[in-house]
N, C-alpha and C. Protein backbone atom coordinates (compact mmCIF):
# COMPACT_ATOMS: atom_id res chain seq x y z
N UNK A 1 1.98 -2.90 22.67
CA UNK A 1 1.57 -2.51 21.35
C UNK A 1 0.05 -2.58 21.26
N UNK A 2 -0.54 -1.54 20.67
CA UNK A 2 -1.98 -1.52 20.50
C UNK A 2 -2.38 -2.45 19.35
N UNK A 3 -3.49 -3.15 19.49
CA UNK A 3 -3.94 -3.97 18.35
C UNK A 3 -4.43 -3.05 17.24
N UNK A 4 -4.36 -3.50 15.96
CA UNK A 4 -4.82 -2.65 14.88
C UNK A 4 -6.29 -2.34 15.02
N UNK A 5 -6.65 -1.14 14.55
CA UNK A 5 -8.05 -0.73 14.57
C UNK A 5 -8.81 -1.59 13.57
N UNK A 6 -9.86 -2.22 14.01
CA UNK A 6 -10.69 -3.03 13.14
C UNK A 6 -12.09 -2.42 13.17
N UNK A 7 -12.45 -1.68 12.12
CA UNK A 7 -13.74 -1.01 12.16
C UNK A 7 -14.89 -2.00 12.04
N UNK A 8 -15.92 -1.76 12.84
CA UNK A 8 -17.14 -2.55 12.67
C UNK A 8 -17.95 -1.88 11.58
N UNK A 9 -18.97 -2.54 11.11
CA UNK A 9 -19.78 -1.96 10.05
C UNK A 9 -20.40 -0.64 10.47
N UNK A 10 -20.69 -0.48 11.75
CA UNK A 10 -21.34 0.75 12.19
C UNK A 10 -20.35 1.89 12.37
N UNK A 11 -19.04 1.61 12.60
CA UNK A 11 -18.10 2.68 12.84
C UNK A 11 -17.06 2.84 11.72
N UNK A 12 -17.20 2.10 10.62
CA UNK A 12 -16.24 2.19 9.52
C UNK A 12 -16.29 3.59 8.92
N UNK A 13 -15.11 4.16 8.70
CA UNK A 13 -15.03 5.47 8.09
C UNK A 13 -14.85 5.30 6.60
N UNK A 14 -15.56 6.09 5.85
CA UNK A 14 -15.48 6.04 4.39
C UNK A 14 -14.61 7.19 3.92
N UNK A 15 -13.68 6.90 3.06
CA UNK A 15 -12.81 7.93 2.48
C UNK A 15 -12.97 7.86 0.97
N UNK A 16 -13.07 9.03 0.35
CA UNK A 16 -13.22 9.09 -1.10
C UNK A 16 -11.99 9.74 -1.69
N UNK A 17 -11.48 9.11 -2.75
CA UNK A 17 -10.35 9.64 -3.48
C UNK A 17 -10.65 9.55 -4.97
N UNK A 18 -9.90 10.28 -5.75
CA UNK A 18 -10.11 10.26 -7.19
C UNK A 18 -9.03 9.39 -7.85
N UNK A 19 -9.42 8.60 -8.81
CA UNK A 19 -8.48 7.80 -9.58
C UNK A 19 -7.82 8.73 -10.59
N UNK A 20 -6.50 8.81 -10.51
CA UNK A 20 -5.76 9.66 -11.44
C UNK A 20 -5.15 8.83 -12.54
N UNK A 21 -4.12 9.40 -13.17
CA UNK A 21 -3.42 8.66 -14.22
C UNK A 21 -1.93 8.91 -14.13
N UNK A 22 -1.18 7.91 -14.52
CA UNK A 22 0.26 8.05 -14.71
C UNK A 22 0.57 7.44 -16.08
N UNK A 23 1.75 7.74 -16.56
CA UNK A 23 2.13 7.24 -17.88
C UNK A 23 3.22 6.18 -17.76
N UNK A 24 3.01 5.06 -18.42
CA UNK A 24 3.97 3.95 -18.44
C UNK A 24 4.67 3.94 -19.80
N UNK A 25 5.91 3.49 -19.78
CA UNK A 25 6.69 3.30 -21.00
C UNK A 25 6.84 4.59 -21.81
N UNK A 26 6.95 5.73 -21.13
CA UNK A 26 7.14 6.97 -21.87
C UNK A 26 8.63 7.18 -22.16
N UNK A 27 8.88 7.84 -23.25
CA UNK A 27 10.25 8.18 -23.63
C UNK A 27 10.28 9.67 -23.93
N UNK A 28 11.44 10.16 -24.30
CA UNK A 28 11.57 11.57 -24.62
C UNK A 28 10.69 11.95 -25.81
N UNK A 29 10.50 11.01 -26.75
CA UNK A 29 9.76 11.31 -27.99
C UNK A 29 8.34 10.78 -28.01
N UNK A 30 7.96 9.99 -27.02
CA UNK A 30 6.61 9.41 -27.02
C UNK A 30 6.01 9.53 -25.61
N UNK A 31 4.73 9.89 -25.54
CA UNK A 31 4.12 10.12 -24.23
C UNK A 31 3.86 8.87 -23.40
N UNK A 32 3.87 7.70 -24.00
CA UNK A 32 3.59 6.49 -23.25
C UNK A 32 2.09 6.22 -23.15
N UNK A 33 1.75 5.27 -22.32
CA UNK A 33 0.36 4.85 -22.17
C UNK A 33 -0.15 5.29 -20.81
N UNK A 34 -1.31 5.95 -20.79
CA UNK A 34 -1.92 6.36 -19.53
C UNK A 34 -2.55 5.15 -18.86
N UNK A 35 -2.30 5.00 -17.56
CA UNK A 35 -2.91 3.92 -16.77
C UNK A 35 -3.50 4.53 -15.50
N UNK A 36 -4.55 3.91 -14.94
CA UNK A 36 -5.15 4.43 -13.71
C UNK A 36 -4.14 4.39 -12.56
N UNK A 37 -4.29 5.33 -11.63
CA UNK A 37 -3.36 5.47 -10.53
C UNK A 37 -4.13 5.87 -9.27
N UNK A 38 -3.90 5.15 -8.17
CA UNK A 38 -4.52 5.47 -6.88
C UNK A 38 -3.40 5.62 -5.86
N UNK A 39 -3.41 6.75 -5.16
CA UNK A 39 -2.41 6.97 -4.09
C UNK A 39 -3.17 7.22 -2.80
N UNK A 40 -2.81 6.48 -1.77
CA UNK A 40 -3.42 6.72 -0.47
C UNK A 40 -2.32 6.90 0.56
N UNK A 41 -2.53 7.81 1.48
CA UNK A 41 -1.56 8.05 2.55
C UNK A 41 -2.27 8.75 3.69
N UNK A 42 -1.70 8.66 4.85
CA UNK A 42 -2.25 9.37 6.00
C UNK A 42 -2.10 8.57 7.27
N UNK A 43 -2.20 9.28 8.38
CA UNK A 43 -2.07 8.64 9.69
C UNK A 43 -3.18 7.62 9.91
N UNK A 44 -4.31 7.81 9.25
CA UNK A 44 -5.43 6.88 9.41
C UNK A 44 -5.06 5.49 8.93
N UNK A 45 -4.12 5.38 7.97
CA UNK A 45 -3.68 4.05 7.52
C UNK A 45 -3.00 3.30 8.67
N UNK A 46 -2.13 4.00 9.38
CA UNK A 46 -1.46 3.36 10.52
C UNK A 46 -2.46 2.99 11.60
N UNK A 47 -3.42 3.86 11.84
CA UNK A 47 -4.44 3.57 12.85
C UNK A 47 -5.27 2.35 12.47
N UNK A 48 -5.35 2.07 11.17
CA UNK A 48 -6.09 0.91 10.69
C UNK A 48 -5.22 -0.34 10.61
N UNK A 49 -3.94 -0.23 11.04
CA UNK A 49 -3.07 -1.40 11.05
C UNK A 49 -2.08 -1.46 9.90
N UNK A 50 -2.08 -0.46 9.01
CA UNK A 50 -1.17 -0.44 7.87
C UNK A 50 0.07 0.38 8.25
N UNK A 51 0.97 -0.28 8.98
CA UNK A 51 2.17 0.41 9.45
C UNK A 51 3.24 0.42 8.36
N UNK A 52 4.15 1.40 8.46
CA UNK A 52 5.25 1.48 7.50
C UNK A 52 6.04 0.18 7.54
N UNK A 53 6.35 -0.36 6.37
CA UNK A 53 7.07 -1.62 6.28
C UNK A 53 6.17 -2.83 6.19
N UNK A 54 4.86 -2.64 6.38
CA UNK A 54 3.92 -3.76 6.28
C UNK A 54 3.87 -4.29 4.86
N UNK A 55 3.60 -5.58 4.74
CA UNK A 55 3.34 -6.18 3.44
C UNK A 55 1.83 -6.26 3.30
N UNK A 56 1.32 -5.80 2.17
CA UNK A 56 -0.12 -5.72 1.95
C UNK A 56 -0.48 -6.56 0.72
N UNK A 57 -1.53 -7.36 0.85
CA UNK A 57 -2.07 -8.11 -0.27
C UNK A 57 -3.28 -7.35 -0.79
N UNK A 58 -3.37 -7.22 -2.11
CA UNK A 58 -4.52 -6.56 -2.73
C UNK A 58 -5.32 -7.60 -3.48
N UNK A 59 -6.58 -7.75 -3.08
CA UNK A 59 -7.49 -8.66 -3.77
C UNK A 59 -8.32 -7.82 -4.74
N UNK A 60 -8.33 -8.21 -6.00
CA UNK A 60 -8.98 -7.42 -7.04
C UNK A 60 -10.24 -8.13 -7.51
N UNK A 61 -11.34 -7.41 -7.47
CA UNK A 61 -12.61 -7.87 -8.01
C UNK A 61 -13.19 -6.71 -8.81
N UNK A 62 -14.15 -6.95 -9.64
CA UNK A 62 -14.74 -5.91 -10.46
C UNK A 62 -15.28 -4.78 -9.57
N UNK A 63 -14.70 -3.59 -9.72
CA UNK A 63 -15.17 -2.44 -8.97
C UNK A 63 -14.78 -2.42 -7.51
N UNK A 64 -13.88 -3.32 -7.09
CA UNK A 64 -13.55 -3.41 -5.67
C UNK A 64 -12.11 -3.86 -5.47
N UNK A 65 -11.40 -3.16 -4.58
CA UNK A 65 -10.06 -3.57 -4.16
C UNK A 65 -10.12 -3.78 -2.66
N UNK A 66 -9.56 -4.88 -2.18
CA UNK A 66 -9.49 -5.15 -0.75
C UNK A 66 -8.03 -5.23 -0.37
N UNK A 67 -7.61 -4.36 0.57
CA UNK A 67 -6.22 -4.35 1.04
C UNK A 67 -6.16 -5.04 2.39
N UNK A 68 -5.26 -6.01 2.52
CA UNK A 68 -5.13 -6.79 3.75
C UNK A 68 -3.67 -6.79 4.20
N UNK A 69 -3.43 -6.41 5.45
CA UNK A 69 -2.08 -6.43 6.00
C UNK A 69 -1.69 -7.88 6.26
N UNK A 70 -0.51 -8.27 5.78
CA UNK A 70 -0.05 -9.65 5.94
C UNK A 70 0.78 -9.86 7.20
N UNK A 71 1.32 -8.79 7.77
CA UNK A 71 2.13 -8.92 8.98
C UNK A 71 1.68 -7.85 9.99
N UNK A 72 0.49 -8.01 10.56
CA UNK A 72 -0.06 -6.96 11.43
C UNK A 72 0.66 -6.81 12.76
N UNK A 73 1.59 -7.67 13.11
CA UNK A 73 2.24 -7.59 14.41
C UNK A 73 3.54 -6.79 14.39
N UNK A 74 3.67 -5.89 13.43
CA UNK A 74 4.85 -5.02 13.41
C UNK A 74 4.81 -4.12 14.64
N UNK A 75 5.97 -3.70 15.14
CA UNK A 75 5.98 -2.81 16.29
C UNK A 75 5.44 -1.43 15.95
N UNK A 76 5.04 -0.69 16.97
CA UNK A 76 4.57 0.68 16.79
C UNK A 76 5.68 1.51 16.16
N UNK A 77 5.32 2.55 15.42
CA UNK A 77 6.30 3.45 14.85
C UNK A 77 7.07 4.08 16.01
N UNK A 78 8.39 4.15 15.88
CA UNK A 78 9.22 4.72 16.92
C UNK A 78 9.79 3.68 17.87
N UNK A 79 9.22 2.48 17.89
CA UNK A 79 9.76 1.42 18.74
C UNK A 79 11.00 0.83 18.08
N UNK A 80 11.92 0.34 18.87
CA UNK A 80 13.10 -0.33 18.34
C UNK A 80 12.65 -1.65 17.72
N UNK A 81 13.08 -1.87 16.48
CA UNK A 81 12.62 -3.06 15.78
C UNK A 81 13.68 -4.14 15.68
N UNK A 82 14.94 -3.77 15.79
CA UNK A 82 15.99 -4.75 15.58
C UNK A 82 16.20 -5.05 14.11
N UNK A 83 15.52 -4.31 13.22
CA UNK A 83 15.67 -4.50 11.78
C UNK A 83 16.98 -3.88 11.33
N UNK A 84 17.47 -4.35 10.23
CA UNK A 84 18.66 -3.75 9.66
C UNK A 84 18.32 -2.35 9.15
N UNK A 85 19.31 -1.48 9.04
CA UNK A 85 19.04 -0.13 8.53
C UNK A 85 18.50 -0.15 7.12
N UNK A 86 18.69 -1.24 6.39
CA UNK A 86 18.24 -1.32 5.00
C UNK A 86 16.91 -2.05 4.85
N UNK A 87 16.15 -2.20 5.92
CA UNK A 87 14.91 -2.98 5.87
C UNK A 87 13.92 -2.40 4.86
N UNK A 88 13.78 -1.08 4.82
CA UNK A 88 12.83 -0.49 3.89
C UNK A 88 13.30 -0.63 2.44
N UNK A 89 14.60 -0.50 2.21
CA UNK A 89 15.13 -0.71 0.86
C UNK A 89 14.90 -2.15 0.41
N UNK A 90 15.05 -3.09 1.32
CA UNK A 90 14.81 -4.50 0.99
C UNK A 90 13.34 -4.71 0.65
N UNK A 91 12.44 -4.08 1.41
CA UNK A 91 11.00 -4.20 1.10
C UNK A 91 10.70 -3.61 -0.27
N UNK A 92 11.33 -2.49 -0.62
CA UNK A 92 11.15 -1.89 -1.94
C UNK A 92 11.66 -2.82 -3.03
N UNK A 93 12.81 -3.44 -2.80
CA UNK A 93 13.38 -4.36 -3.79
C UNK A 93 12.44 -5.51 -4.06
N UNK A 94 11.86 -6.07 -2.99
CA UNK A 94 10.92 -7.18 -3.14
C UNK A 94 9.70 -6.72 -3.91
N UNK A 95 9.21 -5.52 -3.59
CA UNK A 95 8.04 -4.98 -4.29
C UNK A 95 8.32 -4.80 -5.76
N UNK A 96 9.50 -4.26 -6.09
CA UNK A 96 9.84 -4.02 -7.49
C UNK A 96 10.04 -5.31 -8.26
N UNK A 97 10.38 -6.40 -7.58
CA UNK A 97 10.61 -7.67 -8.26
C UNK A 97 9.31 -8.43 -8.48
N UNK A 98 8.17 -7.86 -8.06
CA UNK A 98 6.88 -8.50 -8.26
C UNK A 98 6.59 -8.58 -9.76
N UNK A 99 6.06 -9.68 -10.26
CA UNK A 99 5.79 -9.80 -11.69
C UNK A 99 4.93 -8.64 -12.20
N UNK A 100 5.32 -8.10 -13.34
CA UNK A 100 4.63 -6.94 -13.91
C UNK A 100 3.18 -7.24 -14.29
N UNK A 101 2.81 -8.51 -14.45
CA UNK A 101 1.46 -8.86 -14.88
C UNK A 101 0.41 -8.35 -13.90
N UNK A 102 0.75 -8.15 -12.63
CA UNK A 102 -0.25 -7.67 -11.70
C UNK A 102 -0.56 -6.20 -11.92
N UNK A 103 0.31 -5.49 -12.67
CA UNK A 103 0.10 -4.07 -12.93
C UNK A 103 -0.69 -3.82 -14.21
N UNK A 104 -0.93 -4.86 -14.97
CA UNK A 104 -1.60 -4.68 -16.26
C UNK A 104 -3.06 -4.35 -16.08
């Protein structure tokens, strides 16, 4: 297994994305509340060590988000993992059970 890519300050790649919006608590008769929304995806995430199924911690500071992989030793994509077929559903369940206060 290759070690995760760890960019040095001289070789770090900068990516720019736009903060969008999604609506929370909307119903058929009410539009809900708009909240900021950031979506990131791409092969570059895996190259940086963010493999599918990874648990990521987000550290929040004013004007800055830091994403840190908590289990960087996951196998390469395509390798046999020995995980149950429901491993991704279990990860989603854990994510959904996270206290809502972190989304405020």
